[in-house]
PDB file of N, CA and C in Angstrom:
ATOM      1  N   MET A   1       0.796  -1.158  -0.018  1.00  0.00           N
ATOM      2  CA  MET A   1       0.000  -0.050   0.043  1.00  0.00           C
ATOM      3  C   MET A   1       0.841   1.224  -0.035  1.00  0.00           C
ATOM      4  N   HIS A   2       0.327   2.374  -0.481  1.00  0.00           N
ATOM      5  CA  HIS A   2       1.022   3.600  -0.512  1.00  0.00           C
ATOM      6  C   HIS A   2       0.682   4.380   0.647  1.00  0.00           C
ATOM      7  N   LEU A   3       1.655   4.752   1.574  1.00  0.00           N
ATOM      8  CA  LEU A   3       1.388   5.366   2.760  1.00  0.00           C
ATOM      9  C   LEU A   3       0.746   6.835   2.627  1.00  0.00           C
ATOM     10  N   ASP A   4       1.144   7.490   1.518  1.00  0.00           N
ATOM     11  CA  ASP A   4       0.564   8.879   1.259  1.00  0.00           C
ATOM     12  C   ASP A   4      -0.604   8.834   0.321  1.00  0.00           C
ATOM     13  N   HIS A   5      -1.123   7.645   0.003  1.00  0.00           N
ATOM     14  CA  HIS A   5      -2.354   7.428  -0.825  1.00  0.00           C
ATOM     15  C   HIS A   5      -2.053   8.012  -2.225  1.00  0.00           C
ATOM     16  N   THR A   6      -0.903   8.072  -2.727  1.00  0.00           N
ATOM     17  CA  THR A   6      -0.500   8.505  -4.033  1.00  0.00           C
ATOM     18  C   THR A   6       0.120   7.373  -4.789  1.00  0.00           C
ATOM     19  N   PRO A   7      -0.602   6.788  -5.695  1.00  0.00           N
ATOM     20  CA  PRO A   7      -0.064   5.522  -6.371  1.00  0.00           C
ATOM     21  C   PRO A   7       1.144   5.848  -7.205  1.00  0.00           C
ATOM     22  N   GLU A   8       1.315   7.073  -7.629  1.00  0.00           N
ATOM     23  CA  GLU A   8       2.454   7.429  -8.472  1.00  0.00           C
ATOM     24  C   GLU A   8       3.763   7.516  -7.632  1.00  0.00           C
ATOM     25  N   ASN A   9       3.638   7.623  -6.388  1.00  0.00           N
ATOM     26  CA  ASN A   9       4.824   7.657  -5.448  1.00  0.00           C
ATOM     27  C   ASN A   9       5.236   6.276  -4.995  1.00  0.00           C
ATOM     28  N   CYS A  10       6.140   5.707  -5.784  1.00  0.00           N
ATOM     29  CA  CYS A  10       6.508   4.355  -5.440  1.00  0.00           C
ATOM     30  C   CYS A  10       7.861   4.253  -4.752  1.00  0.00           C
ATOM     31  N   ASP A  11       8.192   5.313  -4.127  1.00  0.00           N
ATOM     32  CA  ASP A  11       9.370   5.239  -3.231  1.00  0.00           C
ATOM     33  C   ASP A  11       9.356   4.215  -2.175  1.00  0.00           C
ATOM     34  N   PRO A  12      10.350   3.406  -1.999  1.00  0.00           N
ATOM     35  CA  PRO A  12      10.295   2.272  -0.995  1.00  0.00           C
ATOM     36  C   PRO A  12       9.889   2.799   0.373  1.00  0.00           C
ATOM     37  N   ALA A  13      10.186   3.968   0.713  1.00  0.00           N
ATOM     38  CA  ALA A  13       9.848   4.551   2.048  1.00  0.00           C
ATOM     39  C   ALA A  13       8.360   4.805   2.151  1.00  0.00           C
ATOM     40  N   ASN A  14       7.605   4.905   1.024  1.00  0.00           N
ATOM     41  CA  ASN A  14       6.203   5.127   0.934  1.00  0.00           C
ATOM     42  C   ASN A  14       5.339   3.888   0.826  1.00  0.00           C
ATOM     43  N   LEU A  15       6.012   2.799   0.735  1.00  0.00           N
ATOM     44  CA  LEU A  15       5.322   1.470   0.482  1.00  0.00           C
ATOM     45  C   LEU A  15       5.350   0.526   1.757  1.00  0.00           C
ATOM     46  N   ARG A  16       4.289  -0.102   2.132  1.00  0.00           N
ATOM     47  CA  ARG A  16       4.224  -1.104   3.128  1.00  0.00           C
ATOM     48  C   ARG A  16       3.308  -2.202   2.694  1.00  0.00           C
ATOM     49  N   ALA A  17       3.665  -3.391   3.185  1.00  0.00           N
ATOM     50  CA  ALA A  17       2.848  -4.526   2.987  1.00  0.00           C
ATOM     51  C   ALA A  17       2.035  -4.737   4.274  1.00  0.00           C
ATOM     52  N   MET A  18       0.741  -4.784   4.115  1.00  0.00           N
ATOM     53  CA  MET A  18      -0.103  -4.887   5.319  1.00  0.00           C
ATOM     54  C   MET A  18      -1.198  -5.982   5.045  1.00  0.00           C
ATOM     55  N   CYS A  19      -1.723  -6.595   6.083  1.00  0.00           N
ATOM     56  CA  CYS A  19      -2.858  -7.381   5.989  1.00  0.00           C
ATOM     57  C   CYS A  19      -4.058  -6.538   5.776  1.00  0.00           C
ATOM     58  N   GLN A  20      -5.175  -7.155   5.305  1.00  0.00           N
ATOM     59  CA  GLN A  20      -6.375  -6.447   5.054  1.00  0.00           C
ATOM     60  C   GLN A  20      -6.866  -5.587   6.214  1.00  0.00           C
ATOM     61  N   GLY A  21      -6.912  -6.143   7.400  1.00  0.00           N
ATOM     62  CA  GLY A  21      -7.356  -5.522   8.644  1.00  0.00           C
ATOM     63  C   GLY A  21      -6.476  -4.328   8.950  1.00  0.00           C
ATOM     64  N   CYS A  22      -5.234  -4.415   8.880  1.00  0.00           N
ATOM     65  CA  CYS A  22      -4.319  -3.279   9.260  1.00  0.00           C
ATOM     66  C   CYS A  22      -4.413  -2.255   8.151  1.00  0.00           C
ATOM     67  N   HIS A  23      -4.567  -2.627   6.930  1.00  0.00           N
ATOM     68  CA  HIS A  23      -4.693  -1.653   5.788  1.00  0.00           C
ATOM     69  C   HIS A  23      -6.013  -0.806   5.977  1.00  0.00           C
ATOM     70  N   LEU A  24      -7.163  -1.547   6.309  1.00  0.00           N
ATOM     71  CA  LEU A  24      -8.405  -0.828   6.515  1.00  0.00           C
ATOM     72  C   LEU A  24      -8.227   0.132   7.767  1.00  0.00           C
ATOM     73  N   TYR A  25      -7.575  -0.313   8.782  1.00  0.00           N
ATOM     74  CA  TYR A  25      -7.402   0.536   9.958  1.00  0.00           C
ATOM     75  C   TYR A  25      -6.575   1.785   9.569  1.00  0.00           C
ATOM     76  N   TYR A  26      -5.509   1.594   8.887  1.00  0.00           N
ATOM     77  CA  TYR A  26      -4.537   2.665   8.536  1.00  0.00           C
ATOM     78  C   TYR A  26      -5.297   3.688   7.680  1.00  0.00           C
ATOM     79  N   ASP A  27      -6.208   3.161   6.758  1.00  0.00           N
ATOM     80  CA  ASP A  27      -6.871   4.036   5.808  1.00  0.00           C
ATOM     81  C   ASP A  27      -8.256   4.652   6.361  1.00  0.00           C
ATOM     82  N   GLN A  28      -8.514   4.257   7.536  1.00  0.00           N
ATOM     83  CA  GLN A  28      -9.874   4.806   8.117  1.00  0.00           C
ATOM     84  C   GLN A  28     -10.188   6.175   7.883  1.00  0.00           C
ATOM     85  N   ASP A  29      -9.256   7.098   8.260  1.00  0.00           N
ATOM     86  CA  ASP A  29      -9.601   8.532   8.101  1.00  0.00           C
ATOM     87  C   ASP A  29      -9.682   8.900   6.594  1.00  0.00           C
ATOM     88  N   HIS A  30      -8.748   8.316   5.791  1.00  0.00           N
ATOM     89  CA  HIS A  30      -8.909   8.605   4.321  1.00  0.00           C
ATOM     90  C   HIS A  30     -10.156   8.098   3.749  1.00  0.00           C
ATOM     91  N   HIS A  31     -10.726   6.979   4.175  1.00  0.00           N
ATOM     92  CA  HIS A  31     -12.016   6.594   3.666  1.00  0.00           C
ATOM     93  C   HIS A  31     -13.117   7.468   4.102  1.00  0.00           C
ATOM     94  N   VAL A  32     -13.155   7.971   5.345  1.00  0.00           N
ATOM     95  CA  VAL A  32     -14.138   8.947   5.759  1.00  0.00           C
ATOM     96  C   VAL A  32     -14.119  10.213   4.931  1.00  0.00           C
ATOM     97  N   ARG A  33     -12.939  10.734   4.665  1.00  0.00           N
ATOM     98  CA  ARG A  33     -12.857  11.966   3.835  1.00  0.00           C
ATOM     99  C   ARG A  33     -13.320  11.671   2.388  1.00  0.00           C
ATOM    100  N   THR A  34     -12.842  10.595   1.733  1.00  0.00           N
ATOM    101  CA  THR A  34     -13.177  10.337   0.392  1.00  0.00           C
ATOM    102  C   THR A  34     -14.673  10.033   0.200  1.00  0.00           C
ATOM    103  N   ARG A  35     -15.265   9.350   1.221  1.00  0.00           N
ATOM    104  CA  ARG A  35     -16.697   9.080   1.196  1.00  0.00           C
ATOM    105  C   ARG A  35     -17.434  10.314   1.263  1.00  0.00           C
ATOM    106  N   ALA A  36     -17.116  11.267   2.174  1.00  0.00           N
ATOM    107  CA  ALA A  36     -17.899  12.513   2.248  1.00  0.00           C
ATOM    108  C   ALA A  36     -17.674  13.298   0.961  1.00  0.00           C
ATOM    109  N   GLU A  37     -16.497  13.303   0.331  1.00  0.00           N
ATOM    110  CA  GLU A  37     -16.422  14.115  -0.915  1.00  0.00           C
ATOM    111  C   GLU A  37     -17.218  13.393  -2.012  1.00  0.00           C
ATOM    112  N   ALA A  38     -17.286  12.099  -2.065  1.00  0.00           N
ATOM    113  CA  ALA A  38     -18.103  11.452  -3.099  1.00  0.00           C
ATOM    114  C   ALA A  38     -19.553  11.723  -2.900  1.00  0.00           C
ATOM    115  N   ARG A  39     -20.021  11.686  -1.683  1.00  0.00           N
ATOM    116  CA  ARG A  39     -21.486  11.994  -1.427  1.00  0.00           C
ATOM    117  C   ARG A  39     -21.813  13.406  -1.765  1.00  0.00           C
ATOM    118  N   ARG A  40     -20.869  14.291  -1.458  1.00  0.00           N
ATOM    119  CA  ARG A  40     -21.117  15.795  -1.715  1.00  0.00           C
ATOM    120  C   ARG A  40     -21.119  15.959  -3.293  1.00  0.00           C
ATOM    121  N   THR A  41     -20.214  15.326  -3.996  1.00  0.00           N
ATOM    122  CA  THR A  41     -20.202  15.389  -5.451  1.00  0.00           C
ATOM    123  C   THR A  41     -21.477  14.859  -6.103  1.00  0.00           C
ATOM    124  N   ALA A  42     -21.986  13.745  -5.548  1.00  0.00           N
ATOM    125  CA  ALA A  42     -23.172  13.115  -6.118  1.00  0.00           C
ATOM    126  C   ALA A  42     -24.442  14.059  -5.811  1.00  0.00           C
ATOM    127  N   LEU A  43     -24.413  14.626  -4.677  1.00  0.00           N
ATOM    128  CA  LEU A  43     -25.650  15.537  -4.319  1.00  0.00           C
ATOM    129  C   LEU A  43     -25.504  16.706  -5.317  1.00  0.00           C
ATOM    130  N   GLU A  44     -24.429  17.327  -5.458  1.00  0.00           N
ATOM    131  CA  GLU A  44     -24.302  18.522  -6.293  1.00  0.00           C
ATOM    132  C   GLU A  44     -24.655  18.137  -7.797  1.00  0.00           C
ATOM    133  N   ALA A  45     -24.260  16.961  -8.249  1.00  0.00           N
ATOM    134  CA  ALA A  45     -24.510  16.481  -9.574  1.00  0.00           C
ATOM    135  C   ALA A  45     -26.024  16.287  -9.811  1.00  0.00           C
ATOM    136  N   SER A  46     -26.734  15.961  -8.788  1.00  0.00           N
ATOM    137  CA  SER A  46     -28.152  15.717  -8.782  1.00  0.00           C
ATOM    138  C   SER A  46     -28.914  17.043  -8.730  1.00  0.00           C
ATOM    139  N   GLY A  47     -28.287  18.085  -8.567  1.00  0.00           N
ATOM    140  CA  GLY A  47     -28.972  19.428  -8.409  1.00  0.00           C
ATOM    141  C   GLY A  47     -29.228  19.867  -7.018  1.00  0.00           C
ATOM    142  N   GLN A  48     -28.756  19.066  -6.049  1.00  0.00           N
ATOM    143  CA  GLN A  48     -29.024  19.407  -4.665  1.00  0.00           C
ATOM    144  C   GLN A  48     -28.117  20.588  -4.241  1.00  0.00           C
ATOM    145  N   LEU A  49     -28.671  21.572  -3.623  1.00  0.00           N
ATOM    146  CA  LEU A  49     -27.931  22.728  -3.274  1.00  0.00           C
ATOM    147  C   LEU A  49     -27.133  22.476  -1.924  1.00  0.00           C
ATOM    148  N   ALA A  50     -25.955  22.945  -1.896  1.00  0.00           N
ATOM    149  CA  ALA A  50     -25.153  22.798  -0.600  1.00  0.00           C
ATOM    150  C   ALA A  50     -25.497  23.914   0.376  1.00  0.00           C
ATOM    151  N   PHE A  51     -25.555  23.560   1.685  1.00  0.00           N
ATOM    152  CA  PHE A  51     -25.796  24.589   2.761  1.00  0.00           C
ATOM    153  C   PHE A  51     -24.562  24.504   3.576  1.00  0.00           C
ATOM    154  N   GLU A  52     -23.874  25.639   3.710  1.00  0.00           N
ATOM    155  CA  GLU A  52     -22.667  25.704   4.450  1.00  0.00           C
ATOM    156  C   GLU A  52     -22.811  26.706   5.627  1.00  0.00           C
ATOM    157  N   LEU A  53     -22.375  26.407   6.864  1.00  0.00           N
ATOM    158  CA  LEU A  53     -22.439  27.337   7.959  1.00  0.00           C
ATOM    159  C   LEU A  53     -21.183  28.155   8.032  1.00  0.00           C
TER     160      LEU A  53
END
């Protein structure tokens, strides 16, 4: 896996072999952010207006 979530960065210091459980745990925050971004993009594409505080 790429520690910085950039597949183009194949520097050995950026790569780790992990079991599925460890990989999911390591990526937990990244998945939360990308899930929120994908949801927001889908809502905007459907014509839903965004409300920001």
